[in-house]
Amino acid sequence: MWTTRRVTAGLAIAAVGAMTVAGCAQDSSAGGDGLSIGYVVNFGSHEWYQNVIKGAEETAEAEGLDFEWADANVDLSKQITQAENMLTQGVDVLMMSPVDPDGLSSVMTQAMEKDVPVITESNPVSDNATTVGIANLDAARQLGAWTGDYITEELGGPAKILIVGLPTQVDTRDRVEGFKQGLEDSGADYEIVQEVNGGGLKDVALDVSADAITAHPEINMIFGINDDSALGGTQAYQQAGLDMNQLTTIGFGVEGRAGKSALTGDGPYQAGLAMFPEYVGRALVEQAQAAASGEDVDQRTVTPATVVTADNLGDYYTKNGEDWEIDFDAVAALLDEEQQ
């Protein structure tokens, strides 16, 4: 049976100063109770993962844990090698953002042999202790419902939608399916004109969206499964010479500077589903501690998500220079509201 735990504030951890995320591996050794956590991220140069790492590093440092991370750079064989090296070096808990959840059987076998719990981010791997992340299908329904209301109340006509997806990952497939369900339930006037695979990367999203927009210049709404997908599609629309005042962009993630800047700017980005990567990083470390201490952890650890616009982004983030600082208490309260 698939069980779910929703993680609220959890540990009372004070935020420490922002840490630079660079290179393919970092070590935050703080002694503490001696717990050693290794994290293999699948794409460390992406803003989402940089902020997940930031949240995990700050939490580990505040708790006095040994924390090391490595970047697989979207290379499954590299991720396997890095994870197996961490297990050989004796980490107490292994955390992974899987490049391919179906390709990590050798890692899981070695982890089980060593009795090392494995915590994954977003996508489950067979026999892992828990998967930490938002409930993608439910969150996407919420965003689809918001979008349907926007179409009915603001658009002044039918929405012709381009979906920039990533069908190779379970979580991103759920985002598309939930968005469609929310739209359908809203009763809005819309048509999904085309779906493309943007690979979750801005350059790829730009290329495939350009082809779709050339074929369907009537497109007036773009939905992307992450910031890069939404912004790549938006750039393709602009480069096609179309009227940007006719475009509405809806995104998923709002994970970094680019998404937040677009959302608070004067462009077409009207709403995004905030996933709070810093909170996910904190929750990964909290669940690693729980699993290492022998506590029962549920198969799915759900973290907060909500629709944000330019009007309410400031409820959860404060801009500090070029950076955005998360309000962990405000984000945690989202789960408290869901449980009421």
C-alpha atoms as a PDB file:
ATOM      1  CA  MET A   1       0.000   0.000   0.000  1.00  0.00           C
ATOM      2  CA  TRP A   2       1.287   3.452  -0.938  1.00  0.00           C
ATOM      3  CA  THR A   3       1.336   5.611   2.168  1.00  0.00           C
ATOM      4  CA  THR A   4       1.884   9.327   2.293  1.00  0.00           C
ATOM      5  CA  ARG A   5       3.195  11.699   4.907  1.00  0.00           C
ATOM      6  CA  ARG A   6       2.919  15.444   4.556  1.00  0.00           C
ATOM      7  CA  VAL A   7       5.944  17.191   6.016  1.00  0.00           C
ATOM      8  CA  THR A   8       5.363  20.485   7.791  1.00  0.00           C
ATOM      9  CA  ALA A   9       8.015  22.527   9.545  1.00  0.00           C
ATOM     10  CA  GLY A  10       9.599  19.441  11.103  1.00  0.00           C
ATOM     11  CA  LEU A  11      12.892  20.442  12.628  1.00  0.00           C
ATOM     12  CA  ALA A  12      13.218  23.892  14.129  1.00  0.00           C
ATOM     13  CA  ILE A  13      16.172  24.854  11.984  1.00  0.00           C
ATOM     14  CA  ALA A  14      17.379  28.419  11.696  1.00  0.00           C
ATOM     15  CA  ALA A  15      18.406  29.450   8.214  1.00  0.00           C
ATOM     16  CA  VAL A  16      22.109  29.939   7.790  1.00  0.00           C
ATOM     17  CA  GLY A  17      23.848  32.034   5.168  1.00  0.00           C
ATOM     18  CA  ALA A  18      23.494  31.131   1.525  1.00  0.00           C
ATOM     19  CA  MET A  19      26.171  28.750   0.300  1.00  0.00           C
ATOM     20  CA  THR A  20      27.727  28.705  -3.128  1.00  0.00           C
ATOM     21  CA  VAL A  21      26.800  25.696  -5.225  1.00  0.00           C
ATOM     22  CA  ALA A  22      29.559  25.026  -7.703  1.00  0.00           C
ATOM     23  CA  GLY A  23      31.562  22.146  -9.093  1.00  0.00           C
ATOM     24  CA  CYS A  24      30.553  18.506  -9.178  1.00  0.00           C
ATOM     25  CA  ALA A  25      30.932  17.694  -5.502  1.00  0.00           C
ATOM     26  CA  GLN A  26      30.855  19.522  -2.215  1.00  0.00           C
ATOM     27  CA  ASP A  27      31.371  18.402   1.398  1.00  0.00           C
ATOM     28  CA  SER A  28      29.735  20.109   4.375  1.00  0.00           C
ATOM     29  CA  SER A  29      31.312  18.328   7.322  1.00  0.00           C
ATOM     30  CA  ALA A  30      30.101  19.615  10.652  1.00  0.00           C
ATOM     31  CA  GLY A  31      30.652  16.707  12.986  1.00  0.00           C
ATOM     32  CA  GLY A  32      27.462  16.545  15.049  1.00  0.00           C
ATOM     33  CA  ASP A  33      26.158  13.070  15.738  1.00  0.00           C
ATOM     34  CA  GLY A  34      28.380  11.639  13.001  1.00  0.00           C
ATOM     35  CA  LEU A  35      25.564  10.942  10.531  1.00  0.00           C
ATOM     36  CA  SER A  36      26.929  10.972   6.983  1.00  0.00           C
ATOM     37  CA  ILE A  37      24.607  11.767   4.076  1.00  0.00           C
ATOM     38  CA  GLY A  38      25.520  11.511   0.414  1.00  0.00           C
ATOM     39  CA  TYR A  39      23.364  13.091  -2.301  1.00  0.00           C
ATOM     40  CA  VAL A  40      23.689  12.423  -6.041  1.00  0.00           C
ATOM     41  CA  VAL A  41      21.746  15.044  -7.961  1.00  0.00           C
ATOM     42  CA  ASN A  42      20.860  14.472 -11.590  1.00  0.00           C
ATOM     43  CA  PHE A  43      21.543  17.969 -12.968  1.00  0.00           C
ATOM     44  CA  GLY A  44      23.386  20.218 -10.526  1.00  0.00           C
ATOM     45  CA  SER A  45      23.651  23.236 -12.842  1.00  0.00           C
ATOM     46  CA  HIS A  46      19.857  23.617 -12.999  1.00  0.00           C
ATOM     47  CA  GLU A  47      18.287  26.241 -10.722  1.00  0.00           C
ATOM     48  CA  TRP A  48      15.859  23.723  -9.233  1.00  0.00           C
ATOM     49  CA  TYR A  49      18.622  21.419  -8.053  1.00  0.00           C
ATOM     50  CA  GLN A  50      20.860  24.273  -6.951  1.00  0.00           C
ATOM     51  CA  ASN A  51      18.126  25.374  -4.565  1.00  0.00           C
ATOM     52  CA  VAL A  52      17.374  21.815  -3.406  1.00  0.00           C
ATOM     53  CA  ILE A  53      21.077  21.448  -2.607  1.00  0.00           C
ATOM     54  CA  LYS A  54      21.086  24.807  -0.847  1.00  0.00           C
ATOM     55  CA  GLY A  55      18.208  23.749   1.412  1.00  0.00           C
ATOM     56  CA  ALA A  56      19.843  20.401   2.131  1.00  0.00           C
ATOM     57  CA  GLU A  57      23.277  21.917   2.846  1.00  0.00           C
ATOM     58  CA  GLU A  58      21.890  24.537   5.198  1.00  0.00           C
ATOM     59  CA  THR A  59      19.832  21.956   7.063  1.00  0.00           C
ATOM     60  CA  ALA A  60      22.752  19.537   7.365  1.00  0.00           C
ATOM     61  CA  GLU A  61      25.042  22.295   8.641  1.00  0.00           C
ATOM     62  CA  ALA A  62      22.480  23.495  11.181  1.00  0.00           C
ATOM     63  CA  GLU A  63      22.018  19.917  12.428  1.00  0.00           C
ATOM     64  CA  GLY A  64      25.739  19.144  12.547  1.00  0.00           C
ATOM     65  CA  LEU A  65      25.656  16.421   9.891  1.00  0.00           C
ATOM     66  CA  ASP A  66      28.252  15.364   7.342  1.00  0.00           C
ATOM     67  CA  PHE A  67      26.840  16.146   3.897  1.00  0.00           C
ATOM     68  CA  GLU A  68      28.367  15.527   0.476  1.00  0.00           C
ATOM     69  CA  TRP A  69      26.805  15.933  -2.939  1.00  0.00           C
ATOM     70  CA  ALA A  70      27.781  15.031  -6.483  1.00  0.00           C
ATOM     71  CA  ASP A  71      26.373  15.979  -9.879  1.00  0.00           C
ATOM     72  CA  ALA A  72      25.537  13.259 -12.408  1.00  0.00           C
ATOM     73  CA  ASN A  73      24.882  15.903 -15.089  1.00  0.00           C
ATOM     74  CA  VAL A  74      21.980  13.885 -16.568  1.00  0.00           C
ATOM     75  CA  ASP A  75      24.227  10.853 -17.110  1.00  0.00           C
ATOM     76  CA  LEU A  76      22.818   7.625 -15.682  1.00  0.00           C
ATOM     77  CA  SER A  77      26.114   5.720 -15.743  1.00  0.00           C
ATOM     78  CA  LYS A  78      27.806   8.604 -13.955  1.00  0.00           C
ATOM     79  CA  GLN A  79      25.053   8.684 -11.331  1.00  0.00           C
ATOM     80  CA  ILE A  80      25.440   4.957 -10.721  1.00  0.00           C
ATOM     81  CA  THR A  81      29.203   5.309 -10.286  1.00  0.00           C
ATOM     82  CA  GLN A  82      28.867   8.282  -7.955  1.00  0.00           C
ATOM     83  CA  ALA A  83      26.200   6.601  -5.827  1.00  0.00           C
ATOM     84  CA  GLU A  84      28.147   3.337  -5.586  1.00  0.00           C
ATOM     85  CA  ASN A  85      31.293   5.282  -4.629  1.00  0.00           C
ATOM     86  CA  MET A  86      29.414   7.008  -1.817  1.00  0.00           C
ATOM     87  CA  LEU A  87      28.147   3.656  -0.569  1.00  0.00           C
ATOM     88  CA  THR A  88      31.664   2.233  -0.690  1.00  0.00           C
ATOM     89  CA  GLN A  89      32.959   5.242   1.251  1.00  0.00           C
ATOM     90  CA  GLY A  90      30.444   4.481   3.991  1.00  0.00           C
ATOM     91  CA  VAL A  91      27.638   7.034   3.895  1.00  0.00           C
ATOM     92  CA  ASP A  92      24.860   6.293   6.402  1.00  0.00           C
ATOM     93  CA  VAL A  93      22.102   7.512   4.071  1.00  0.00           C
ATOM     94  CA  LEU A  94      22.069   7.923   0.302  1.00  0.00           C
ATOM     95  CA  MET A  95      19.867  10.550  -1.332  1.00  0.00           C
ATOM     96  CA  MET A  96      19.284  10.685  -5.097  1.00  0.00           C
ATOM     97  CA  SER A  97      17.440  12.716  -7.700  1.00  0.00           C
ATOM     98  CA  PRO A  98      17.234   9.902 -10.250  1.00  0.00           C
ATOM     99  CA  VAL A  99      18.355  10.398 -13.823  1.00  0.00           C
ATOM    100  CA  ASP A 100      16.348   7.279 -14.671  1.00  0.00           C
ATOM    101  CA  PRO A 101      14.406   5.632 -11.819  1.00  0.00           C
ATOM    102  CA  ASP A 102      14.398   2.310 -13.680  1.00  0.00           C
ATOM    103  CA  GLY A 103      18.174   2.238 -14.158  1.00  0.00           C
ATOM    104  CA  LEU A 104      19.391   2.224 -10.554  1.00  0.00           C
ATOM    105  CA  SER A 105      18.922  -1.428  -9.578  1.00  0.00           C
ATOM    106  CA  SER A 106      22.629  -2.012  -8.958  1.00  0.00           C
ATOM    107  CA  VAL A 107      22.749   0.972  -6.612  1.00  0.00           C
ATOM    108  CA  MET A 108      19.710  -0.253  -4.704  1.00  0.00           C
ATOM    109  CA  THR A 109      21.183  -3.752  -4.410  1.00  0.00           C
ATOM    110  CA  GLN A 110      24.414  -2.390  -2.936  1.00  0.00           C
ATOM    111  CA  ALA A 111      22.495  -0.089  -0.596  1.00  0.00           C
ATOM    112  CA  MET A 112      20.370  -2.966   0.715  1.00  0.00           C
ATOM    113  CA  GLU A 113      23.449  -5.135   1.200  1.00  0.00           C
ATOM    114  CA  LYS A 114      24.980  -2.369   3.307  1.00  0.00           C
ATOM    115  CA  ASP A 115      21.688  -1.600   5.082  1.00  0.00           C
ATOM    116  CA  VAL A 116      21.813   2.003   3.887  1.00  0.00           C
ATOM    117  CA  PRO A 117      18.416   3.690   3.436  1.00  0.00           C
ATOM    118  CA  VAL A 118      17.873   5.488   0.135  1.00  0.00           C
ATOM    119  CA  ILE A 119      15.830   8.684  -0.060  1.00  0.00           C
ATOM    120  CA  THR A 120      14.821   9.916  -3.516  1.00  0.00           C
ATOM    121  CA  GLU A 121      13.638  13.299  -4.695  1.00  0.00           C
ATOM    122  CA  SER A 122      10.501  13.597  -6.871  1.00  0.00           C
ATOM    123  CA  ASN A 123      10.667  10.185  -8.551  1.00  0.00           C
ATOM    124  CA  PRO A 124      10.534   6.868  -6.655  1.00  0.00           C
ATOM    125  CA  VAL A 125      13.002   4.044  -7.121  1.00  0.00           C
ATOM    126  CA  SER A 126      12.102   0.473  -6.252  1.00  0.00           C
ATOM    127  CA  ASP A 127      12.881  -0.325  -2.583  1.00  0.00           C
ATOM    128  CA  ASN A 128      13.772   3.230  -1.574  1.00  0.00           C
ATOM    129  CA  ALA A 129      12.764   4.335   1.938  1.00  0.00           C
ATOM    130  CA  THR A 130      10.730   7.359   0.837  1.00  0.00           C
ATOM    131  CA  THR A 131      10.326   9.766  -2.055  1.00  0.00           C
ATOM    132  CA  VAL A 132      10.268  13.459  -1.153  1.00  0.00           C
ATOM    133  CA  GLY A 133       8.398  15.965  -3.296  1.00  0.00           C
ATOM    134  CA  ILE A 134       5.099  17.558  -4.103  1.00  0.00           C
ATOM    135  CA  ALA A 135       1.959  15.641  -5.061  1.00  0.00           C
ATOM    136  CA  ASN A 136       2.341  16.496  -8.730  1.00  0.00           C
ATOM    137  CA  LEU A 137      -1.056  15.337  -9.946  1.00  0.00           C
ATOM    138  CA  ASP A 138      -2.990  17.179  -7.229  1.00  0.00           C
ATOM    139  CA  ALA A 139      -0.877  20.316  -7.560  1.00  0.00           C
ATOM    140  CA  ALA A 140      -1.271  20.360 -11.333  1.00  0.00           C
ATOM    141  CA  ARG A 141      -5.043  20.034 -10.996  1.00  0.00           C
ATOM    142  CA  GLN A 142      -4.943  23.132  -8.799  1.00  0.00           C
ATOM    143  CA  LEU A 143      -2.968  25.004 -11.441  1.00  0.00           C
ATOM    144  CA  GLY A 144      -5.287  23.783 -14.202  1.00  0.00           C
ATOM    145  CA  ALA A 145      -8.314  25.007 -12.240  1.00  0.00           C
ATOM    146  CA  TRP A 146      -6.671  28.423 -11.740  1.00  0.00           C
ATOM    147  CA  THR A 147      -5.895  28.585 -15.456  1.00  0.00           C
ATOM    148  CA  GLY A 148      -9.456  27.648 -16.381  1.00  0.00           C
ATOM    149  CA  ASP A 149     -10.798  30.481 -14.235  1.00  0.00           C
ATOM    150  CA  TYR A 150      -8.285  32.858 -15.825  1.00  0.00           C
ATOM    151  CA  ILE A 151      -9.401  31.841 -19.315  1.00  0.00           C
ATOM    152  CA  THR A 152     -13.051  32.413 -18.446  1.00  0.00           C
ATOM    153  CA  GLU A 153     -12.593  35.670 -16.561  1.00  0.00           C
ATOM    154  CA  GLU A 154      -9.637  37.361 -18.263  1.00  0.00           C
ATOM    155  CA  LEU A 155      -8.796  35.969 -21.672  1.00  0.00           C
ATOM    156  CA  GLY A 156     -11.848  37.181 -23.583  1.00  0.00           C
ATOM    157  CA  GLY A 157     -11.910  34.183 -25.885  1.00  0.00           C
ATOM    158  CA  PRO A 158     -10.841  30.549 -26.228  1.00  0.00           C
ATOM    159  CA  ALA A 159      -7.356  29.501 -25.168  1.00  0.00           C
ATOM    160  CA  LYS A 160      -5.245  27.784 -27.809  1.00  0.00           C
ATOM    161  CA  ILE A 161      -2.711  25.945 -25.692  1.00  0.00           C
ATOM    162  CA  LEU A 162       0.771  24.618 -26.386  1.00  0.00           C
ATOM    163  CA  ILE A 163       1.984  22.177 -23.724  1.00  0.00           C
ATOM    164  CA  VAL A 164       5.761  21.922 -23.331  1.00  0.00           C
ATOM    165  CA  GLY A 165       6.157  18.660 -21.444  1.00  0.00           C
ATOM    166  CA  LEU A 166       8.677  15.997 -20.462  1.00  0.00           C
ATOM    167  CA  PRO A 167       7.019  12.599 -20.988  1.00  0.00           C
ATOM    168  CA  THR A 168      10.047  10.538 -19.900  1.00  0.00           C
ATOM    169  CA  GLN A 169       9.554  11.278 -16.172  1.00  0.00           C
ATOM    170  CA  VAL A 170       6.635  10.186 -13.990  1.00  0.00           C
ATOM    171  CA  ASP A 171       6.375  13.472 -12.092  1.00  0.00           C
ATOM    172  CA  THR A 172       6.303  15.616 -15.224  1.00  0.00           C
ATOM    173  CA  ARG A 173       3.743  13.348 -16.888  1.00  0.00           C
ATOM    174  CA  ASP A 174       1.582  13.836 -13.801  1.00  0.00           C
ATOM    175  CA  ARG A 175       1.935  17.610 -14.137  1.00  0.00           C
ATOM    176  CA  VAL A 176       0.542  17.516 -17.667  1.00  0.00           C
ATOM    177  CA  GLU A 177      -2.251  15.100 -16.778  1.00  0.00           C
ATOM    178  CA  GLY A 178      -3.286  17.051 -13.683  1.00  0.00           C
ATOM    179  CA  PHE A 179      -3.223  20.342 -15.586  1.00  0.00           C
ATOM    180  CA  LYS A 180      -5.522  18.850 -18.212  1.00  0.00           C
ATOM    181  CA  GLN A 181      -7.877  17.521 -15.549  1.00  0.00           C
ATOM    182  CA  GLY A 182      -8.063  20.881 -13.790  1.00  0.00           C
ATOM    183  CA  LEU A 183      -8.745  22.652 -17.067  1.00  0.00           C
ATOM    184  CA  GLU A 184     -11.474  20.196 -18.031  1.00  0.00           C
ATOM    185  CA  ASP A 185     -13.190  20.432 -14.647  1.00  0.00           C
ATOM    186  CA  SER A 186     -13.143  24.254 -14.845  1.00  0.00           C
ATOM    187  CA  GLY A 187     -15.484  24.357 -17.826  1.00  0.00           C
ATOM    188  CA  ALA A 188     -13.252  26.858 -19.619  1.00  0.00           C
ATOM    189  CA  ASP A 189     -13.212  27.332 -23.379  1.00  0.00           C
ATOM    190  CA  TYR A 190      -9.888  25.937 -24.557  1.00  0.00           C
ATOM    191  CA  GLU A 191      -8.155  23.674 -27.036  1.00  0.00           C
ATOM    192  CA  ILE A 192      -4.830  21.913 -26.584  1.00  0.00           C
ATOM    193  CA  VAL A 193      -3.349  22.589 -29.993  1.00  0.00           C
ATOM    194  CA  GLN A 194      -0.113  20.608 -29.592  1.00  0.00           C
ATOM    195  CA  GLU A 195       2.095  18.901 -27.031  1.00  0.00           C
ATOM    196  CA  VAL A 196       5.876  18.842 -27.427  1.00  0.00           C
ATOM    197  CA  ASN A 197       8.748  17.312 -25.479  1.00  0.00           C
ATOM    198  CA  GLY A 198      10.938  20.170 -24.269  1.00  0.00           C
ATOM    199  CA  GLY A 199      13.247  17.888 -22.331  1.00  0.00           C
ATOM    200  CA  GLY A 200      12.938  20.138 -19.269  1.00  0.00           C
ATOM    201  CA  LEU A 201      15.648  22.377 -20.790  1.00  0.00           C
ATOM    202  CA  LYS A 202      15.197  25.903 -22.104  1.00  0.00           C
ATOM    203  CA  ASP A 203      17.165  25.449 -25.340  1.00  0.00           C
ATOM    204  CA  VAL A 204      15.269  22.284 -26.253  1.00  0.00           C
ATOM    205  CA  ALA A 205      11.944  23.846 -25.273  1.00  0.00           C
ATOM    206  CA  LEU A 206      12.759  26.854 -27.448  1.00  0.00           C
ATOM    207  CA  ASP A 207      13.465  24.697 -30.507  1.00  0.00           C
ATOM    208  CA  VAL A 208      10.450  22.406 -30.289  1.00  0.00           C
ATOM    209  CA  SER A 209       8.127  25.272 -29.375  1.00  0.00           C
ATOM    210  CA  ALA A 210       9.314  27.274 -32.377  1.00  0.00           C
ATOM    211  CA  ASP A 211       8.262  24.455 -34.680  1.00  0.00           C
ATOM    212  CA  ALA A 212       4.883  24.157 -32.973  1.00  0.00           C
ATOM    213  CA  ILE A 213       4.239  27.908 -33.105  1.00  0.00           C
ATOM    214  CA  THR A 214       5.195  28.027 -36.783  1.00  0.00           C
ATOM    215  CA  ALA A 215       2.645  25.296 -37.471  1.00  0.00           C
ATOM    216  CA  HIS A 216       0.020  26.818 -35.177  1.00  0.00           C
ATOM    217  CA  PRO A 217       0.333  30.620 -35.001  1.00  0.00           C
ATOM    218  CA  GLU A 218      -3.078  30.714 -33.297  1.00  0.00           C
ATOM    219  CA  ILE A 219      -1.430  29.540 -30.052  1.00  0.00           C
ATOM    220  CA  ASN A 220      -2.080  32.095 -27.314  1.00  0.00           C
ATOM    221  CA  MET A 221      -1.215  30.146 -24.170  1.00  0.00           C
ATOM    222  CA  ILE A 222       1.840  28.107 -23.206  1.00  0.00           C
ATOM    223  CA  PHE A 223       2.011  25.681 -20.304  1.00  0.00           C
ATOM    224  CA  GLY A 224       5.458  24.390 -19.308  1.00  0.00           C
ATOM    225  CA  ILE A 225       6.269  21.621 -16.839  1.00  0.00           C
ATOM    226  CA  ASN A 226       9.109  23.677 -15.325  1.00  0.00           C
ATOM    227  CA  ASP A 227      10.488  27.200 -15.583  1.00  0.00           C
ATOM    228  CA  ASP A 228      12.788  26.348 -18.482  1.00  0.00           C
ATOM    229  CA  SER A 229       9.946  24.791 -20.460  1.00  0.00           C
ATOM    230  CA  ALA A 230       7.616  27.738 -19.917  1.00  0.00           C
ATOM    231  CA  LEU A 231      10.299  30.346 -20.604  1.00  0.00           C
ATOM    232  CA  GLY A 232      11.689  28.512 -23.634  1.00  0.00           C
ATOM    233  CA  GLY A 233       8.213  28.365 -25.141  1.00  0.00           C
ATOM    234  CA  THR A 234       7.679  32.041 -24.385  1.00  0.00           C
ATOM    235  CA  GLN A 235      10.955  32.970 -26.077  1.00  0.00           C
ATOM    236  CA  ALA A 236       9.968  30.963 -29.154  1.00  0.00           C
ATOM    237  CA  TYR A 237       6.704  32.901 -29.358  1.00  0.00           C
ATOM    238  CA  GLN A 238       8.568  36.194 -29.124  1.00  0.00           C
ATOM    239  CA  GLN A 239      11.138  35.183 -31.746  1.00  0.00           C
ATOM    240  CA  ALA A 240       8.298  34.254 -34.096  1.00  0.00           C
ATOM    241  CA  GLY A 241       7.367  37.943 -34.133  1.00  0.00           C
ATOM    242  CA  LEU A 242       3.924  37.392 -32.654  1.00  0.00           C
ATOM    243  CA  ASP A 243       2.127  39.885 -30.421  1.00  0.00           C
ATOM    244  CA  MET A 244       3.321  39.186 -26.867  1.00  0.00           C
ATOM    245  CA  ASN A 245       0.240  40.941 -25.514  1.00  0.00           C
ATOM    246  CA  GLN A 246      -1.803  38.040 -26.857  1.00  0.00           C
ATOM    247  CA  LEU A 247       0.199  35.372 -24.993  1.00  0.00           C
ATOM    248  CA  THR A 248      -0.385  33.912 -21.536  1.00  0.00           C
ATOM    249  CA  THR A 249       2.328  31.735 -19.981  1.00  0.00           C
ATOM    250  CA  ILE A 250       1.616  29.278 -17.172  1.00  0.00           C
ATOM    251  CA  GLY A 251       4.530  27.506 -15.510  1.00  0.00           C
ATOM    252  CA  PHE A 252       5.446  24.886 -12.972  1.00  0.00           C
ATOM    253  CA  GLY A 253       8.218  25.185 -10.419  1.00  0.00           C
ATOM    254  CA  VAL A 254       8.983  28.885  -9.937  1.00  0.00           C
ATOM    255  CA  GLU A 255      12.230  27.393  -8.694  1.00  0.00           C
ATOM    256  CA  GLY A 256      14.792  30.085  -9.317  1.00  0.00           C
ATOM    257  CA  ARG A 257      15.593  33.630 -10.324  1.00  0.00           C
ATOM    258  CA  ALA A 258      14.440  33.260 -13.924  1.00  0.00           C
ATOM    259  CA  GLY A 259      10.936  32.060 -13.085  1.00  0.00           C
ATOM    260  CA  LYS A 260      10.408  34.565 -10.291  1.00  0.00           C
ATOM    261  CA  SER A 261      11.691  37.437 -12.426  1.00  0.00           C
ATOM    262  CA  ALA A 262       9.353  36.462 -15.255  1.00  0.00           C
ATOM    263  CA  LEU A 263       6.419  36.146 -12.887  1.00  0.00           C
ATOM    264  CA  THR A 264       6.991  39.573 -11.336  1.00  0.00           C
ATOM    265  CA  GLY A 265       7.841  41.288 -14.605  1.00  0.00           C
ATOM    266  CA  ASP A 266       5.675  42.851 -17.306  1.00  0.00           C
ATOM    267  CA  GLY A 267       5.621  39.840 -19.627  1.00  0.00           C
ATOM    268  CA  PRO A 268       3.057  37.112 -20.292  1.00  0.00           C
ATOM    269  CA  TYR A 269       3.948  34.859 -17.320  1.00  0.00           C
ATOM    270  CA  GLN A 270       0.747  35.036 -15.253  1.00  0.00           C
ATOM    271  CA  ALA A 271       0.986  32.128 -12.790  1.00  0.00           C
ATOM    272  CA  GLY A 272       3.133  29.221 -11.733  1.00  0.00           C
ATOM    273  CA  LEU A 273       2.877  26.285  -9.387  1.00  0.00           C
ATOM    274  CA  ALA A 274       5.511  26.990  -6.734  1.00  0.00           C
ATOM    275  CA  MET A 275       7.336  23.838  -5.585  1.00  0.00           C
ATOM    276  CA  PHE A 276       9.760  25.414  -3.084  1.00  0.00           C
ATOM    277  CA  PRO A 277      12.993  23.523  -3.797  1.00  0.00           C
ATOM    278  CA  GLU A 278      14.701  24.844  -0.654  1.00  0.00           C
ATOM    279  CA  TYR A 279      11.957  23.210   1.408  1.00  0.00           C
ATOM    280  CA  VAL A 280      12.385  19.972  -0.537  1.00  0.00           C
ATOM    281  CA  GLY A 281      16.111  20.011   0.315  1.00  0.00           C
ATOM    282  CA  ARG A 282      15.305  20.457   4.000  1.00  0.00           C
ATOM    283  CA  ALA A 283      12.754  17.637   3.898  1.00  0.00           C
ATOM    284  CA  LEU A 284      15.239  15.288   2.209  1.00  0.00           C
ATOM    285  CA  VAL A 285      17.695  15.707   5.076  1.00  0.00           C
ATOM    286  CA  GLU A 286      14.960  15.408   7.715  1.00  0.00           C
ATOM    287  CA  GLN A 287      13.770  12.143   6.181  1.00  0.00           C
ATOM    288  CA  ALA A 288      17.354  10.915   5.902  1.00  0.00           C
ATOM    289  CA  GLN A 289      17.768  11.507   9.640  1.00  0.00           C
ATOM    290  CA  ALA A 290      14.510   9.725  10.396  1.00  0.00           C
ATOM    291  CA  ALA A 291      15.356   6.698   8.246  1.00  0.00           C
ATOM    292  CA  ALA A 292      18.878   6.439   9.693  1.00  0.00           C
ATOM    293  CA  SER A 293      17.514   6.445  13.242  1.00  0.00           C
ATOM    294  CA  GLY A 294      15.133   3.594  12.467  1.00  0.00           C
ATOM    295  CA  GLU A 295      11.942   5.638  12.449  1.00  0.00           C
ATOM    296  CA  ASP A 296       9.118   4.561  10.183  1.00  0.00           C
ATOM    297  CA  VAL A 297       8.968   6.720   7.079  1.00  0.00           C
ATOM    298  CA  ASP A 298       6.148   6.644   4.582  1.00  0.00           C
ATOM    299  CA  GLN A 299       6.690   5.790   0.951  1.00  0.00           C
ATOM    300  CA  ARG A 300       5.809   9.317  -0.127  1.00  0.00           C
ATOM    301  CA  THR A 301       6.801  12.438   1.808  1.00  0.00           C
ATOM    302  CA  VAL A 302       4.688  15.263   0.423  1.00  0.00           C
ATOM    303  CA  THR A 303       6.074  18.794   0.453  1.00  0.00           C
ATOM    304  CA  PRO A 304       4.093  22.030  -0.039  1.00  0.00           C
ATOM    305  CA  ALA A 305       2.983  23.488  -3.359  1.00  0.00           C
ATOM    306  CA  THR A 306       0.650  26.323  -4.329  1.00  0.00           C
ATOM    307  CA  VAL A 307      -0.274  28.565  -7.245  1.00  0.00           C
ATOM    308  CA  VAL A 308       1.660  31.831  -7.131  1.00  0.00           C
ATOM    309  CA  THR A 309       1.255  35.041  -9.085  1.00  0.00           C
ATOM    310  CA  ALA A 310       2.959  38.412  -8.912  1.00  0.00           C
ATOM    311  CA  ASP A 311       0.451  39.328  -6.207  1.00  0.00           C
ATOM    312  CA  ASN A 312       1.247  36.555  -3.704  1.00  0.00           C
ATOM    313  CA  LEU A 313       4.837  35.473  -4.441  1.00  0.00           C
ATOM    314  CA  GLY A 314       5.947  37.819  -1.660  1.00  0.00           C
ATOM    315  CA  ASP A 315       3.987  35.747   0.852  1.00  0.00           C
ATOM    316  CA  TYR A 316       6.610  32.998   0.463  1.00  0.00           C
ATOM    317  CA  TYR A 317       9.780  34.682  -0.785  1.00  0.00           C
ATOM    318  CA  THR A 318      11.542  37.953  -0.044  1.00  0.00           C
ATOM    319  CA  LYS A 319      13.838  39.412  -2.678  1.00  0.00           C
ATOM    320  CA  ASN A 320      17.295  40.204  -1.344  1.00  0.00           C
ATOM    321  CA  GLY A 321      19.411  41.737  -4.072  1.00  0.00           C
ATOM    322  CA  GLU A 322      19.447  39.194  -6.893  1.00  0.00           C
ATOM    323  CA  ASP A 323      18.406  36.343  -4.609  1.00  0.00           C
ATOM    324  CA  TRP A 324      15.065  35.260  -3.206  1.00  0.00           C
ATOM    325  CA  GLU A 325      14.925  34.092   0.413  1.00  0.00           C
ATOM    326  CA  ILE A 326      12.268  31.544   1.331  1.00  0.00           C
ATOM    327  CA  ASP A 327       9.966  31.937   4.347  1.00  0.00           C
ATOM    328  CA  PHE A 328       9.945  28.350   5.622  1.00  0.00           C
ATOM    329  CA  ASP A 329       7.163  28.998   8.129  1.00  0.00           C
ATOM    330  CA  ALA A 330       4.838  30.451   5.484  1.00  0.00           C
ATOM    331  CA  VAL A 331       5.523  27.514   3.171  1.00  0.00           C
ATOM    332  CA  ALA A 332       4.975  24.965   5.947  1.00  0.00           C
ATOM    333  CA  ALA A 333       1.646  26.604   6.754  1.00  0.00           C
ATOM    334  CA  LEU A 334       0.397  25.545   3.306  1.00  0.00           C
ATOM    335  CA  LEU A 335       0.354  21.928   4.467  1.00  0.00           C
ATOM    336  CA  ASP A 336      -1.354  22.898   7.712  1.00  0.00           C
ATOM    337  CA  GLU A 337      -4.090  24.561   5.645  1.00  0.00           C
ATOM    338  CA  GLU A 338      -4.559  21.425   3.522  1.00  0.00           C
ATOM    339  CA  GLN A 339      -5.006  19.286   6.632  1.00  0.00           C
ATOM    340  CA  GLN A 340      -7.737  21.499   8.114  1.00  0.00           C
END
